[in-house]
Amino acid sequence: MPHITLINPNTSQDTTAMMTEIARNELPPGFNVEGKTARHGVAMILNAYQLEDAAEETISIGLLASAKSNGLIISAFGDPGLQKLRAGCSLPVVGICEASMLEATVGKRRFGIATVTPELVSSFAAKARALGVANFYTGTRLTSGNPVDLTGSPERLYEALEKAVRECVNLDGADVVIIGGGPLGQAAHALQKALAVPVIAPIGSAVRSIVAQIEKRTTPVKPST
């Protein structure tokens, strides 16, 4: 049975459990997933310095997990350590930001991001440029209020993100909106079900990407006739 390790670069065990359960529900039959939590760092990454600091721990967890995994998911929206982890192991490695942006632009759709972390917005734009999808990126709309307080109140978080999603569409012209953050996973799935606006939940994007890559590696090649 293919085994996927989901890495939470934050130190919150509760967030790991939530994100792992979302991933488990997205997996097809025959796959399993295990969550791993950063031992050092912060409970929620809020700025570029914390994002950079999270990379080393993410890589360390990923390299240890690679011995017993078929694929790795980095479940923080800044994808800390993604490229170095890919270079350091032979497994498929997927970041939730990269996966959601690539999924969002299928069919040349324009995408916006709704999130709670103003100090990370520049990293989203940099990621879009690095992936070659900057021309589809309509920008980021932010919730108001303290990000940590918001994530501790599911109802307030949902309402604030719903407003940001509608702004992405109505003010910026986005065709689809990504909910930017692993810890926002539950709200992302709730919004995905409730709104007519196409909403992308990035953990689901990462699961679909990693499953496709694992299946591609394990599917026997048919001999030519």
N, C-alpha and C. Protein backbone atom coordinates (compact mmCIF):
# COMPACT_ATOMS: atom_id res chain seq x y z
N MET A 1 0.85 -1.20 0.00
CA MET A 1 0.00 0.00 0.00
C MET A 1 0.88 1.24 0.00
N PRO A 2 0.76 2.13 -0.99
CA PRO A 2 1.58 3.34 -1.03
C PRO A 2 1.36 4.20 0.22
N HIS A 3 2.46 4.66 0.78
CA HIS A 3 2.44 5.42 2.03
C HIS A 3 2.91 6.85 1.76
N ILE A 4 2.10 7.82 2.15
CA ILE A 4 2.42 9.24 1.97
C ILE A 4 2.67 9.86 3.33
N THR A 5 3.70 10.66 3.44
CA THR A 5 3.96 11.42 4.65
C THR A 5 3.62 12.88 4.42
N LEU A 6 2.75 13.42 5.27
CA LEU A 6 2.39 14.83 5.23
C LEU A 6 3.19 15.54 6.32
N ILE A 7 3.99 16.51 5.92
CA ILE A 7 4.84 17.23 6.86
C ILE A 7 4.20 18.57 7.20
N ASN A 8 3.99 18.79 8.48
CA ASN A 8 3.53 20.09 8.96
C ASN A 8 4.75 20.87 9.44
N PRO A 9 5.17 21.91 8.72
CA PRO A 9 6.33 22.69 9.15
C PRO A 9 6.06 23.56 10.38
N ASN A 10 4.81 23.60 10.83
CA ASN A 10 4.46 24.27 12.08
C ASN A 10 4.56 23.27 13.23
N THR A 11 4.56 23.77 14.46
CA THR A 11 4.73 22.89 15.61
C THR A 11 3.41 22.43 16.24
N SER A 12 2.29 22.81 15.66
CA SER A 12 0.99 22.46 16.24
C SER A 12 0.57 21.04 15.87
N GLN A 13 0.48 20.18 16.88
CA GLN A 13 0.01 18.81 16.67
C GLN A 13 -1.45 18.79 16.21
N ASP A 14 -2.25 19.71 16.72
CA ASP A 14 -3.66 19.77 16.33
C ASP A 14 -3.79 20.10 14.84
N THR A 15 -2.96 21.02 14.37
CA THR A 15 -2.98 21.36 12.95
C THR A 15 -2.56 20.16 12.10
N THR A 16 -1.55 19.45 12.55
CA THR A 16 -1.11 18.24 11.84
C THR A 16 -2.24 17.24 11.72
N ALA A 17 -2.93 17.00 12.84
CA ALA A 17 -4.04 16.03 12.83
C ALA A 17 -5.14 16.46 11.88
N MET A 18 -5.47 17.74 11.88
CA MET A 18 -6.51 18.26 10.99
C MET A 18 -6.11 18.10 9.53
N MET A 19 -4.90 18.49 9.19
CA MET A 19 -4.47 18.43 7.80
C MET A 19 -4.33 16.99 7.32
N THR A 20 -3.86 16.12 8.20
CA THR A 20 -3.72 14.71 7.83
C THR A 20 -5.08 14.07 7.58
N GLU A 21 -6.06 14.44 8.37
CA GLU A 21 -7.40 13.89 8.17
C GLU A 21 -8.00 14.38 6.84
N ILE A 22 -7.76 15.64 6.50
CA ILE A 22 -8.21 16.15 5.20
C ILE A 22 -7.56 15.37 4.08
N ALA A 23 -6.26 15.16 4.18
CA ALA A 23 -5.54 14.40 3.15
C ALA A 23 -6.07 12.98 3.06
N ARG A 24 -6.32 12.37 4.20
CA ARG A 24 -6.82 10.98 4.21
C ARG A 24 -8.16 10.89 3.48
N ASN A 25 -9.01 11.86 3.68
CA ASN A 25 -10.31 11.85 3.03
C ASN A 25 -10.23 12.10 1.53
N GLU A 26 -9.13 12.69 1.08
CA GLU A 26 -8.94 12.96 -0.34
C GLU A 26 -8.28 11.79 -1.08
N LEU A 27 -7.68 10.87 -0.34
CA LEU A 27 -6.94 9.78 -0.96
C LEU A 27 -7.85 8.73 -1.58
N PRO A 28 -7.47 8.15 -2.70
CA PRO A 28 -8.21 7.03 -3.27
C PRO A 28 -7.95 5.77 -2.45
N PRO A 29 -8.76 4.74 -2.61
CA PRO A 29 -8.51 3.49 -1.90
C PRO A 29 -7.12 2.94 -2.24
N GLY A 30 -6.50 2.33 -1.25
CA GLY A 30 -5.20 1.72 -1.47
C GLY A 30 -4.03 2.60 -1.09
N PHE A 31 -4.29 3.82 -0.63
CA PHE A 31 -3.23 4.71 -0.16
C PHE A 31 -3.44 5.00 1.33
N ASN A 32 -2.35 5.27 2.03
CA ASN A 32 -2.50 5.78 3.39
C ASN A 32 -1.58 6.97 3.60
N VAL A 33 -1.85 7.73 4.67
CA VAL A 33 -1.08 8.95 4.93
C VAL A 33 -0.80 9.04 6.43
N GLU A 34 0.36 9.57 6.74
CA GLU A 34 0.78 9.79 8.13
C GLU A 34 1.28 11.22 8.25
N GLY A 35 0.88 11.90 9.31
CA GLY A 35 1.32 13.26 9.53
C GLY A 35 2.54 13.33 10.43
N LYS A 36 3.44 14.26 10.12
CA LYS A 36 4.62 14.51 10.94
C LYS A 36 4.67 16.00 11.27
N THR A 37 4.99 16.32 12.52
CA THR A 37 4.98 17.70 12.99
C THR A 37 6.39 18.20 13.26
N ALA A 38 6.65 19.45 12.89
CA ALA A 38 7.94 20.07 13.19
C ALA A 38 8.18 20.09 14.70
N ARG A 39 9.38 19.77 15.09
CA ARG A 39 9.73 19.77 16.51
C ARG A 39 10.19 21.14 16.97
N HIS A 40 10.66 21.96 16.03
CA HIS A 40 11.16 23.30 16.34
C HIS A 40 10.49 24.31 15.42
N GLY A 41 10.31 25.52 15.92
CA GLY A 41 9.72 26.55 15.08
C GLY A 41 8.56 27.24 15.78
N VAL A 42 7.53 27.54 15.00
CA VAL A 42 6.37 28.28 15.52
C VAL A 42 5.09 27.49 15.24
N ALA A 43 4.05 27.81 15.99
CA ALA A 43 2.78 27.11 15.82
C ALA A 43 2.06 27.49 14.54
N MET A 44 2.38 28.68 14.00
CA MET A 44 1.79 29.14 12.75
C MET A 44 2.77 30.08 12.07
N ILE A 45 3.15 29.78 10.84
CA ILE A 45 4.10 30.61 10.10
C ILE A 45 3.39 31.88 9.62
N LEU A 46 3.93 33.04 10.03
CA LEU A 46 3.26 34.31 9.74
C LEU A 46 4.07 35.25 8.87
N ASN A 47 5.38 34.99 8.72
CA ASN A 47 6.20 35.92 7.94
C ASN A 47 7.32 35.19 7.22
N ALA A 48 8.05 35.90 6.40
CA ALA A 48 9.07 35.30 5.56
C ALA A 48 10.23 34.72 6.36
N TYR A 49 10.54 35.34 7.49
CA TYR A 49 11.63 34.84 8.32
C TYR A 49 11.27 33.48 8.91
N GLN A 50 10.06 33.35 9.41
CA GLN A 50 9.61 32.07 9.96
C GLN A 50 9.51 31.01 8.87
N LEU A 51 9.12 31.43 7.68
CA LEU A 51 9.04 30.51 6.55
C LEU A 51 10.42 29.96 6.21
N GLU A 52 11.39 30.85 6.17
CA GLU A 52 12.76 30.42 5.86
C GLU A 52 13.31 29.51 6.95
N ASP A 53 13.03 29.84 8.21
CA ASP A 53 13.51 29.03 9.32
C ASP A 53 12.89 27.63 9.31
N ALA A 54 11.67 27.52 8.78
CA ALA A 54 10.98 26.23 8.77
C ALA A 54 11.56 25.25 7.76
N ALA A 55 12.33 25.75 6.81
CA ALA A 55 12.83 24.88 5.73
C ALA A 55 13.73 23.77 6.25
N GLU A 56 14.66 24.10 7.13
CA GLU A 56 15.62 23.10 7.61
C GLU A 56 14.92 21.95 8.33
N GLU A 57 13.97 22.28 9.19
CA GLU A 57 13.24 21.25 9.92
C GLU A 57 12.39 20.41 8.97
N THR A 58 11.79 21.05 7.99
CA THR A 58 10.99 20.33 7.00
C THR A 58 11.84 19.33 6.22
N ILE A 59 13.01 19.76 5.80
CA ILE A 59 13.92 18.88 5.06
C ILE A 59 14.35 17.71 5.93
N SER A 60 14.67 17.98 7.20
CA SER A 60 15.10 16.93 8.11
C SER A 60 14.00 15.88 8.29
N ILE A 61 12.78 16.32 8.51
CA ILE A 61 11.66 15.39 8.66
C ILE A 61 11.46 14.58 7.39
N GLY A 62 11.51 15.26 6.26
CA GLY A 62 11.29 14.59 4.97
C GLY A 62 12.33 13.54 4.67
N LEU A 63 13.58 13.84 4.94
CA LEU A 63 14.64 12.86 4.66
C LEU A 63 14.50 11.64 5.54
N LEU A 64 14.15 11.84 6.81
CA LEU A 64 13.93 10.69 7.70
C LEU A 64 12.74 9.86 7.25
N ALA A 65 11.67 10.54 6.84
CA ALA A 65 10.44 9.84 6.44
C ALA A 65 10.58 9.14 5.10
N SER A 66 11.52 9.59 4.28
CA SER A 66 11.63 9.06 2.92
C SER A 66 11.96 7.57 2.88
N ALA A 67 12.56 7.07 3.95
CA ALA A 67 12.92 5.65 3.98
C ALA A 67 11.69 4.75 4.02
N LYS A 68 10.57 5.28 4.51
CA LYS A 68 9.36 4.47 4.65
C LYS A 68 8.17 5.06 3.91
N SER A 69 8.43 5.96 2.96
CA SER A 69 7.34 6.64 2.25
C SER A 69 7.47 6.47 0.75
N ASN A 70 6.35 6.65 0.08
CA ASN A 70 6.34 6.67 -1.38
C ASN A 70 6.21 8.09 -1.93
N GLY A 71 5.90 9.03 -1.05
CA GLY A 71 5.77 10.41 -1.46
C GLY A 71 5.63 11.31 -0.25
N LEU A 72 6.02 12.58 -0.40
CA LEU A 72 6.02 13.55 0.70
C LEU A 72 5.21 14.78 0.30
N ILE A 73 4.40 15.27 1.24
CA ILE A 73 3.66 16.52 1.06
C ILE A 73 4.15 17.52 2.09
N ILE A 74 4.54 18.70 1.63
CA ILE A 74 4.87 19.80 2.54
C ILE A 74 3.62 20.65 2.69
N SER A 75 3.05 20.62 3.89
CA SER A 75 1.73 21.21 4.09
C SER A 75 1.79 22.56 4.80
N ALA A 76 2.59 23.46 4.23
CA ALA A 76 2.56 24.88 4.60
C ALA A 76 2.56 25.66 3.29
N PHE A 77 1.81 26.74 3.21
CA PHE A 77 1.54 27.36 1.92
C PHE A 77 2.77 28.00 1.28
N GLY A 78 3.80 28.24 2.07
CA GLY A 78 5.03 28.76 1.48
C GLY A 78 5.96 27.69 0.93
N ASP A 79 5.58 26.41 1.07
CA ASP A 79 6.40 25.29 0.57
C ASP A 79 7.84 25.35 1.07
N PRO A 80 8.08 25.52 2.38
CA PRO A 80 9.46 25.64 2.86
C PRO A 80 10.28 24.37 2.60
N GLY A 81 11.47 24.56 2.04
CA GLY A 81 12.38 23.44 1.82
C GLY A 81 12.04 22.56 0.63
N LEU A 82 11.09 22.95 -0.19
CA LEU A 82 10.60 22.08 -1.25
C LEU A 82 11.70 21.67 -2.23
N GLN A 83 12.40 22.62 -2.78
CA GLN A 83 13.39 22.29 -3.82
C GLN A 83 14.55 21.49 -3.25
N LYS A 84 15.03 21.84 -2.06
CA LYS A 84 16.14 21.10 -1.47
C LYS A 84 15.73 19.68 -1.08
N LEU A 85 14.51 19.52 -0.62
CA LEU A 85 14.04 18.18 -0.27
C LEU A 85 13.90 17.33 -1.53
N ARG A 86 13.41 17.91 -2.59
CA ARG A 86 13.34 17.19 -3.87
C ARG A 86 14.73 16.74 -4.33
N ALA A 87 15.69 17.64 -4.16
CA ALA A 87 17.05 17.31 -4.59
C ALA A 87 17.70 16.26 -3.70
N GLY A 88 17.23 16.15 -2.46
CA GLY A 88 17.87 15.26 -1.51
C GLY A 88 17.28 13.88 -1.40
N CYS A 89 16.16 13.62 -2.07
CA CYS A 89 15.59 12.28 -2.02
C CYS A 89 15.01 11.91 -3.39
N SER A 90 14.75 10.65 -3.58
CA SER A 90 14.30 10.17 -4.89
C SER A 90 12.78 10.05 -4.99
N LEU A 91 12.06 10.47 -3.96
CA LEU A 91 10.60 10.35 -3.95
C LEU A 91 9.94 11.57 -4.58
N PRO A 92 8.69 11.44 -5.01
CA PRO A 92 7.92 12.63 -5.36
C PRO A 92 7.71 13.49 -4.12
N VAL A 93 7.94 14.79 -4.24
CA VAL A 93 7.73 15.74 -3.15
C VAL A 93 6.85 16.86 -3.68
N VAL A 94 5.76 17.14 -2.98
CA VAL A 94 4.80 18.14 -3.43
C VAL A 94 4.58 19.16 -2.33
N GLY A 95 4.53 20.44 -2.71
CA GLY A 95 4.16 21.50 -1.79
C GLY A 95 2.74 21.96 -2.07
N ILE A 96 2.00 22.32 -1.03
CA ILE A 96 0.58 22.65 -1.24
C ILE A 96 0.40 23.95 -2.02
N CYS A 97 1.34 24.88 -1.90
CA CYS A 97 1.23 26.12 -2.68
C CYS A 97 1.44 25.83 -4.16
N GLU A 98 2.54 25.16 -4.47
CA GLU A 98 2.83 24.84 -5.87
C GLU A 98 1.70 24.02 -6.49
N ALA A 99 1.24 23.00 -5.79
CA ALA A 99 0.19 22.13 -6.34
C ALA A 99 -1.10 22.89 -6.61
N SER A 100 -1.47 23.78 -5.69
CA SER A 100 -2.73 24.51 -5.87
C SER A 100 -2.63 25.54 -6.99
N MET A 101 -1.48 26.18 -7.15
CA MET A 101 -1.33 27.13 -8.25
C MET A 101 -1.37 26.43 -9.60
N LEU A 102 -0.72 25.29 -9.69
CA LEU A 102 -0.72 24.55 -10.95
C LEU A 102 -2.13 24.04 -11.28
N GLU A 103 -2.85 23.59 -10.25
CA GLU A 103 -4.22 23.14 -10.48
C GLU A 103 -5.12 24.31 -10.86
N ALA A 104 -4.90 25.45 -10.22
CA ALA A 104 -5.75 26.62 -10.48
C ALA A 104 -5.66 27.09 -11.92
N THR A 105 -4.48 26.96 -12.52
CA THR A 105 -4.27 27.50 -13.86
C THR A 105 -4.59 26.52 -14.98
N VAL A 106 -5.09 25.32 -14.64
CA VAL A 106 -5.55 24.40 -15.68
C VAL A 106 -6.66 25.08 -16.46
N GLY A 107 -6.57 25.05 -17.77
CA GLY A 107 -7.55 25.74 -18.61
C GLY A 107 -7.31 27.23 -18.69
N LYS A 108 -6.11 27.67 -18.28
CA LYS A 108 -5.72 29.08 -18.33
C LYS A 108 -6.65 29.97 -17.49
N ARG A 109 -7.08 29.42 -16.35
CA ARG A 109 -7.91 30.21 -15.45
C ARG A 109 -7.06 31.23 -14.69
N ARG A 110 -7.65 32.38 -14.42
CA ARG A 110 -7.02 33.38 -13.58
C ARG A 110 -7.34 33.07 -12.12
N PHE A 111 -6.32 33.14 -11.26
CA PHE A 111 -6.55 32.75 -9.87
C PHE A 111 -6.13 33.85 -8.90
N GLY A 112 -6.89 33.93 -7.82
CA GLY A 112 -6.52 34.79 -6.70
C GLY A 112 -6.28 33.93 -5.48
N ILE A 113 -5.76 34.55 -4.44
CA ILE A 113 -5.51 33.86 -3.18
C ILE A 113 -6.23 34.61 -2.07
N ALA A 114 -6.95 33.90 -1.23
CA ALA A 114 -7.56 34.46 -0.03
C ALA A 114 -6.86 33.86 1.18
N THR A 115 -6.37 34.72 2.07
CA THR A 115 -5.60 34.19 3.19
C THR A 115 -5.60 35.17 4.36
N VAL A 116 -4.85 34.78 5.42
CA VAL A 116 -4.86 35.55 6.67
C VAL A 116 -3.51 36.18 6.99
N THR A 117 -2.49 35.94 6.18
CA THR A 117 -1.11 36.30 6.54
C THR A 117 -0.54 37.39 5.62
N PRO A 118 -0.68 38.65 5.97
CA PRO A 118 -0.23 39.73 5.10
C PRO A 118 1.28 39.74 4.83
N GLU A 119 2.08 39.27 5.77
CA GLU A 119 3.53 39.32 5.60
C GLU A 119 4.07 38.23 4.68
N LEU A 120 3.20 37.36 4.19
CA LEU A 120 3.64 36.31 3.26
C LEU A 120 3.20 36.56 1.82
N VAL A 121 2.51 37.66 1.59
CA VAL A 121 1.95 37.91 0.26
C VAL A 121 3.05 37.97 -0.81
N SER A 122 4.17 38.59 -0.49
CA SER A 122 5.24 38.69 -1.48
C SER A 122 5.78 37.32 -1.88
N SER A 123 5.74 36.36 -0.95
CA SER A 123 6.21 35.00 -1.27
C SER A 123 5.26 34.31 -2.23
N PHE A 124 3.98 34.63 -2.19
CA PHE A 124 3.01 34.05 -3.13
C PHE A 124 3.30 34.53 -4.55
N ALA A 125 3.55 35.83 -4.67
CA ALA A 125 3.86 36.39 -5.98
C ALA A 125 5.16 35.79 -6.53
N ALA A 126 6.14 35.60 -5.66
CA ALA A 126 7.41 35.00 -6.08
C ALA A 126 7.20 33.56 -6.55
N LYS A 127 6.35 32.84 -5.86
CA LYS A 127 6.06 31.45 -6.25
C LYS A 127 5.39 31.42 -7.62
N ALA A 128 4.44 32.31 -7.84
CA ALA A 128 3.75 32.37 -9.14
C ALA A 128 4.75 32.66 -10.26
N ARG A 129 5.69 33.55 -10.00
CA ARG A 129 6.70 33.85 -11.01
C ARG A 129 7.59 32.63 -11.26
N ALA A 130 8.01 31.98 -10.19
CA ALA A 130 8.89 30.82 -10.33
C ALA A 130 8.23 29.69 -11.10
N LEU A 131 6.92 29.55 -10.96
CA LEU A 131 6.18 28.49 -11.65
C LEU A 131 5.77 28.88 -13.07
N GLY A 132 6.01 30.13 -13.43
CA GLY A 132 5.63 30.59 -14.76
C GLY A 132 4.15 30.87 -14.91
N VAL A 133 3.45 31.15 -13.79
CA VAL A 133 2.00 31.39 -13.87
C VAL A 133 1.64 32.79 -13.38
N ALA A 134 2.62 33.68 -13.30
CA ALA A 134 2.37 35.02 -12.78
C ALA A 134 1.33 35.79 -13.59
N ASN A 135 1.25 35.49 -14.90
CA ASN A 135 0.29 36.20 -15.74
C ASN A 135 -1.16 35.77 -15.46
N PHE A 136 -1.33 34.68 -14.71
CA PHE A 136 -2.68 34.23 -14.33
C PHE A 136 -3.05 34.67 -12.91
N TYR A 137 -2.10 35.21 -12.17
CA TYR A 137 -2.30 35.54 -10.76
C TYR A 137 -2.89 36.93 -10.63
N THR A 138 -4.07 37.02 -10.03
CA THR A 138 -4.77 38.30 -9.91
C THR A 138 -4.49 39.01 -8.59
N GLY A 139 -3.74 38.37 -7.70
CA GLY A 139 -3.40 39.01 -6.43
C GLY A 139 -4.01 38.29 -5.24
N THR A 140 -3.70 38.81 -4.07
CA THR A 140 -4.15 38.21 -2.81
C THR A 140 -5.08 39.17 -2.08
N ARG A 141 -6.15 38.64 -1.55
CA ARG A 141 -7.05 39.39 -0.69
C ARG A 141 -6.93 38.83 0.73
N LEU A 142 -6.84 39.74 1.71
CA LEU A 142 -6.56 39.36 3.08
C LEU A 142 -7.77 39.55 3.99
N THR A 143 -7.84 38.70 4.98
CA THR A 143 -8.81 38.88 6.04
C THR A 143 -8.33 40.01 6.95
N SER A 144 -9.24 40.57 7.72
CA SER A 144 -8.85 41.57 8.72
C SER A 144 -8.73 40.87 10.07
N GLY A 145 -7.94 41.44 10.95
CA GLY A 145 -7.79 40.85 12.27
C GLY A 145 -6.53 40.02 12.40
N ASN A 146 -6.24 39.63 13.63
CA ASN A 146 -5.05 38.84 13.94
C ASN A 146 -5.19 37.43 13.39
N PRO A 147 -4.22 36.96 12.59
CA PRO A 147 -4.33 35.63 11.98
C PRO A 147 -4.48 34.49 13.00
N VAL A 148 -3.74 34.57 14.09
CA VAL A 148 -3.81 33.51 15.10
C VAL A 148 -5.19 33.48 15.77
N ASP A 149 -5.71 34.67 16.08
CA ASP A 149 -7.05 34.73 16.67
C ASP A 149 -8.11 34.19 15.71
N LEU A 150 -7.97 34.54 14.44
CA LEU A 150 -8.95 34.08 13.46
C LEU A 150 -8.96 32.56 13.33
N THR A 151 -7.77 31.96 13.25
CA THR A 151 -7.72 30.51 13.09
C THR A 151 -8.22 29.78 14.32
N GLY A 152 -8.30 30.48 15.44
CA GLY A 152 -8.86 29.87 16.65
C GLY A 152 -10.36 29.98 16.74
N SER A 153 -10.98 30.63 15.75
CA SER A 153 -12.44 30.80 15.74
C SER A 153 -12.97 30.40 14.38
N PRO A 154 -13.38 29.13 14.21
CA PRO A 154 -13.80 28.64 12.89
C PRO A 154 -14.89 29.49 12.22
N GLU A 155 -15.85 29.97 12.97
CA GLU A 155 -16.93 30.76 12.37
C GLU A 155 -16.42 32.09 11.84
N ARG A 156 -15.61 32.78 12.64
CA ARG A 156 -15.05 34.07 12.20
C ARG A 156 -14.11 33.86 11.02
N LEU A 157 -13.32 32.80 11.06
CA LEU A 157 -12.40 32.52 9.96
C LEU A 157 -13.16 32.28 8.67
N TYR A 158 -14.22 31.48 8.74
CA TYR A 158 -15.02 31.20 7.54
C TYR A 158 -15.58 32.50 6.96
N GLU A 159 -16.17 33.32 7.81
CA GLU A 159 -16.78 34.57 7.34
C GLU A 159 -15.74 35.50 6.72
N ALA A 160 -14.58 35.59 7.36
CA ALA A 160 -13.55 36.48 6.85
C ALA A 160 -12.99 35.98 5.52
N LEU A 161 -12.78 34.69 5.41
CA LEU A 161 -12.27 34.14 4.16
C LEU A 161 -13.32 34.21 3.04
N GLU A 162 -14.58 34.01 3.40
CA GLU A 162 -15.64 34.13 2.39
C GLU A 162 -15.64 35.53 1.77
N LYS A 163 -15.49 36.54 2.61
CA LYS A 163 -15.43 37.93 2.12
C LYS A 163 -14.22 38.11 1.19
N ALA A 164 -13.07 37.55 1.58
CA ALA A 164 -11.86 37.68 0.77
C ALA A 164 -12.00 36.95 -0.56
N VAL A 165 -12.65 35.80 -0.54
CA VAL A 165 -12.89 35.04 -1.78
C VAL A 165 -13.72 35.87 -2.75
N ARG A 166 -14.80 36.46 -2.24
CA ARG A 166 -15.67 37.25 -3.11
C ARG A 166 -14.94 38.48 -3.66
N GLU A 167 -14.06 39.06 -2.88
CA GLU A 167 -13.27 40.20 -3.36
C GLU A 167 -12.32 39.77 -4.49
N CYS A 168 -11.74 38.59 -4.35
CA CYS A 168 -10.86 38.07 -5.40
C CYS A 168 -11.61 37.99 -6.74
N VAL A 169 -12.85 37.54 -6.67
CA VAL A 169 -13.64 37.35 -7.88
C VAL A 169 -14.21 38.68 -8.38
N ASN A 170 -14.89 39.40 -7.48
CA ASN A 170 -15.65 40.59 -7.89
C ASN A 170 -14.77 41.81 -8.15
N LEU A 171 -13.67 41.93 -7.43
CA LEU A 171 -12.82 43.11 -7.57
C LEU A 171 -11.58 42.86 -8.43
N ASP A 172 -11.08 41.63 -8.40
CA ASP A 172 -9.82 41.34 -9.10
C ASP A 172 -10.00 40.52 -10.38
N GLY A 173 -11.17 39.97 -10.58
CA GLY A 173 -11.42 39.21 -11.80
C GLY A 173 -10.90 37.79 -11.80
N ALA A 174 -10.72 37.21 -10.61
CA ALA A 174 -10.26 35.82 -10.54
C ALA A 174 -11.35 34.86 -10.99
N ASP A 175 -10.95 33.80 -11.71
CA ASP A 175 -11.88 32.74 -12.09
C ASP A 175 -12.00 31.69 -10.99
N VAL A 176 -10.94 31.56 -10.22
CA VAL A 176 -10.87 30.56 -9.17
C VAL A 176 -10.04 31.13 -8.04
N VAL A 177 -10.34 30.71 -6.80
CA VAL A 177 -9.65 31.28 -5.63
C VAL A 177 -9.04 30.17 -4.80
N ILE A 178 -7.76 30.31 -4.49
CA ILE A 178 -7.05 29.39 -3.61
C ILE A 178 -7.13 29.92 -2.18
N ILE A 179 -7.42 29.03 -1.24
CA ILE A 179 -7.36 29.40 0.17
C ILE A 179 -5.93 29.15 0.64
N GLY A 180 -5.21 30.22 0.93
CA GLY A 180 -3.77 30.14 1.11
C GLY A 180 -3.29 29.80 2.50
N GLY A 181 -3.28 28.50 2.82
CA GLY A 181 -2.71 28.09 4.10
C GLY A 181 -3.13 26.70 4.51
N GLY A 182 -2.16 25.89 4.94
CA GLY A 182 -2.48 24.57 5.46
C GLY A 182 -3.38 24.61 6.68
N PRO A 183 -3.09 25.49 7.66
CA PRO A 183 -3.97 25.58 8.83
C PRO A 183 -5.39 26.07 8.52
N LEU A 184 -5.60 26.55 7.29
CA LEU A 184 -6.94 26.99 6.86
C LEU A 184 -7.71 25.87 6.17
N GLY A 185 -7.20 24.64 6.29
CA GLY A 185 -7.74 23.52 5.54
C GLY A 185 -9.22 23.26 5.74
N GLN A 186 -9.68 23.29 6.99
CA GLN A 186 -11.10 23.02 7.25
C GLN A 186 -11.98 24.11 6.64
N ALA A 187 -11.57 25.35 6.80
CA ALA A 187 -12.34 26.46 6.21
C ALA A 187 -12.34 26.36 4.69
N ALA A 188 -11.22 25.96 4.12
CA ALA A 188 -11.13 25.83 2.66
C ALA A 188 -12.13 24.82 2.15
N HIS A 189 -12.24 23.69 2.80
CA HIS A 189 -13.18 22.66 2.35
C HIS A 189 -14.63 23.09 2.57
N ALA A 190 -14.89 23.80 3.65
CA ALA A 190 -16.25 24.30 3.88
C ALA A 190 -16.64 25.31 2.81
N LEU A 191 -15.73 26.21 2.46
CA LEU A 191 -16.00 27.21 1.43
C LEU A 191 -16.16 26.55 0.06
N GLN A 192 -15.38 25.53 -0.18
CA GLN A 192 -15.44 24.81 -1.45
C GLN A 192 -16.83 24.22 -1.67
N LYS A 193 -17.43 23.73 -0.60
CA LYS A 193 -18.75 23.11 -0.69
C LYS A 193 -19.89 24.14 -0.72
N ALA A 194 -19.67 25.29 -0.09
CA ALA A 194 -20.77 26.23 0.12
C ALA A 194 -20.91 27.28 -0.98
N LEU A 195 -19.80 27.64 -1.64
CA LEU A 195 -19.83 28.76 -2.56
C LEU A 195 -19.96 28.31 -4.01
N ALA A 196 -20.63 29.14 -4.79
CA ALA A 196 -20.71 28.88 -6.23
C ALA A 196 -19.38 29.21 -6.90
N VAL A 197 -18.63 30.12 -6.29
CA VAL A 197 -17.31 30.49 -6.80
C VAL A 197 -16.38 29.27 -6.69
N PRO A 198 -15.63 28.92 -7.74
CA PRO A 198 -14.69 27.81 -7.64
C PRO A 198 -13.59 28.12 -6.61
N VAL A 199 -13.49 27.28 -5.59
CA VAL A 199 -12.50 27.44 -4.52
C VAL A 199 -11.58 26.23 -4.52
N ILE A 200 -10.30 26.49 -4.42
CA ILE A 200 -9.31 25.40 -4.37
C ILE A 200 -8.78 25.28 -2.95
N ALA A 201 -8.90 24.08 -2.39
CA ALA A 201 -8.32 23.75 -1.09
C ALA A 201 -6.96 23.10 -1.35
N PRO A 202 -5.86 23.73 -0.95
CA PRO A 202 -4.54 23.29 -1.40
C PRO A 202 -4.10 21.92 -0.93
N ILE A 203 -4.60 21.45 0.20
CA ILE A 203 -4.21 20.11 0.63
C ILE A 203 -4.74 19.07 -0.36
N GLY A 204 -5.97 19.27 -0.81
CA GLY A 204 -6.53 18.37 -1.82
C GLY A 204 -5.74 18.41 -3.11
N SER A 205 -5.29 19.61 -3.52
CA SER A 205 -4.47 19.73 -4.72
C SER A 205 -3.19 18.92 -4.58
N ALA A 206 -2.56 19.02 -3.42
CA ALA A 206 -1.31 18.30 -3.19
C ALA A 206 -1.52 16.79 -3.19
N VAL A 207 -2.63 16.35 -2.61
CA VAL A 207 -2.93 14.91 -2.60
C VAL A 207 -3.11 14.39 -4.02
N ARG A 208 -3.87 15.11 -4.83
CA ARG A 208 -4.09 14.67 -6.21
C ARG A 208 -2.77 14.62 -6.98
N SER A 209 -1.92 15.59 -6.75
CA SER A 209 -0.64 15.63 -7.43
C SER A 209 0.27 14.48 -7.01
N ILE A 210 0.37 14.23 -5.71
CA ILE A 210 1.28 13.19 -5.24
C ILE A 210 0.78 11.81 -5.64
N VAL A 211 -0.53 11.59 -5.61
CA VAL A 211 -1.09 10.30 -6.02
C VAL A 211 -0.79 10.04 -7.49
N ALA A 212 -0.98 11.06 -8.33
CA ALA A 212 -0.70 10.90 -9.76
C ALA A 212 0.76 10.55 -10.00
N GLN A 213 1.66 11.19 -9.25
CA GLN A 213 3.08 10.92 -9.44
C GLN A 213 3.47 9.52 -8.96
N ILE A 214 2.89 9.10 -7.84
CA ILE A 214 3.17 7.75 -7.33
C ILE A 214 2.63 6.70 -8.29
N GLU A 215 1.41 6.90 -8.77
CA GLU A 215 0.82 5.93 -9.70
C GLU A 215 1.62 5.86 -10.99
N LYS A 216 2.12 6.97 -11.45
CA LYS A 216 2.92 6.97 -12.67
C LYS A 216 4.19 6.14 -12.49
N ARG A 217 4.76 6.20 -11.29
CA ARG A 217 5.99 5.43 -11.03
C ARG A 217 5.74 3.94 -10.87
N THR A 218 4.53 3.60 -10.39
CA THR A 218 4.26 2.19 -10.08
C THR A 218 3.48 1.47 -11.16
N THR A 219 2.98 2.18 -12.18
CA THR A 219 2.22 1.55 -13.24
C THR A 219 3.19 0.87 -14.22
N PRO A 220 3.05 -0.43 -14.44
CA PRO A 220 3.96 -1.11 -15.36
C PRO A 220 3.84 -0.56 -16.78
N VAL A 221 4.94 -0.45 -17.44
CA VAL A 221 4.94 0.01 -18.83
C VAL A 221 4.62 -1.17 -19.73
N LYS A 222 3.59 -0.99 -20.57
CA LYS A 222 3.20 -2.06 -21.48
C LYS A 222 4.23 -2.21 -22.60
N PRO A 223 4.62 -3.42 -22.90
CA PRO A 223 5.59 -3.61 -23.99
C PRO A 223 4.99 -3.23 -25.33
N SER A 224 5.80 -2.63 -26.19
CA SER A 224 5.31 -2.24 -27.50
C SER A 224 5.12 -3.48 -28.35
N THR A 225 4.14 -3.45 -29.25
CA THR A 225 3.88 -4.60 -30.12
C THR A 225 4.34 -4.33 -31.53
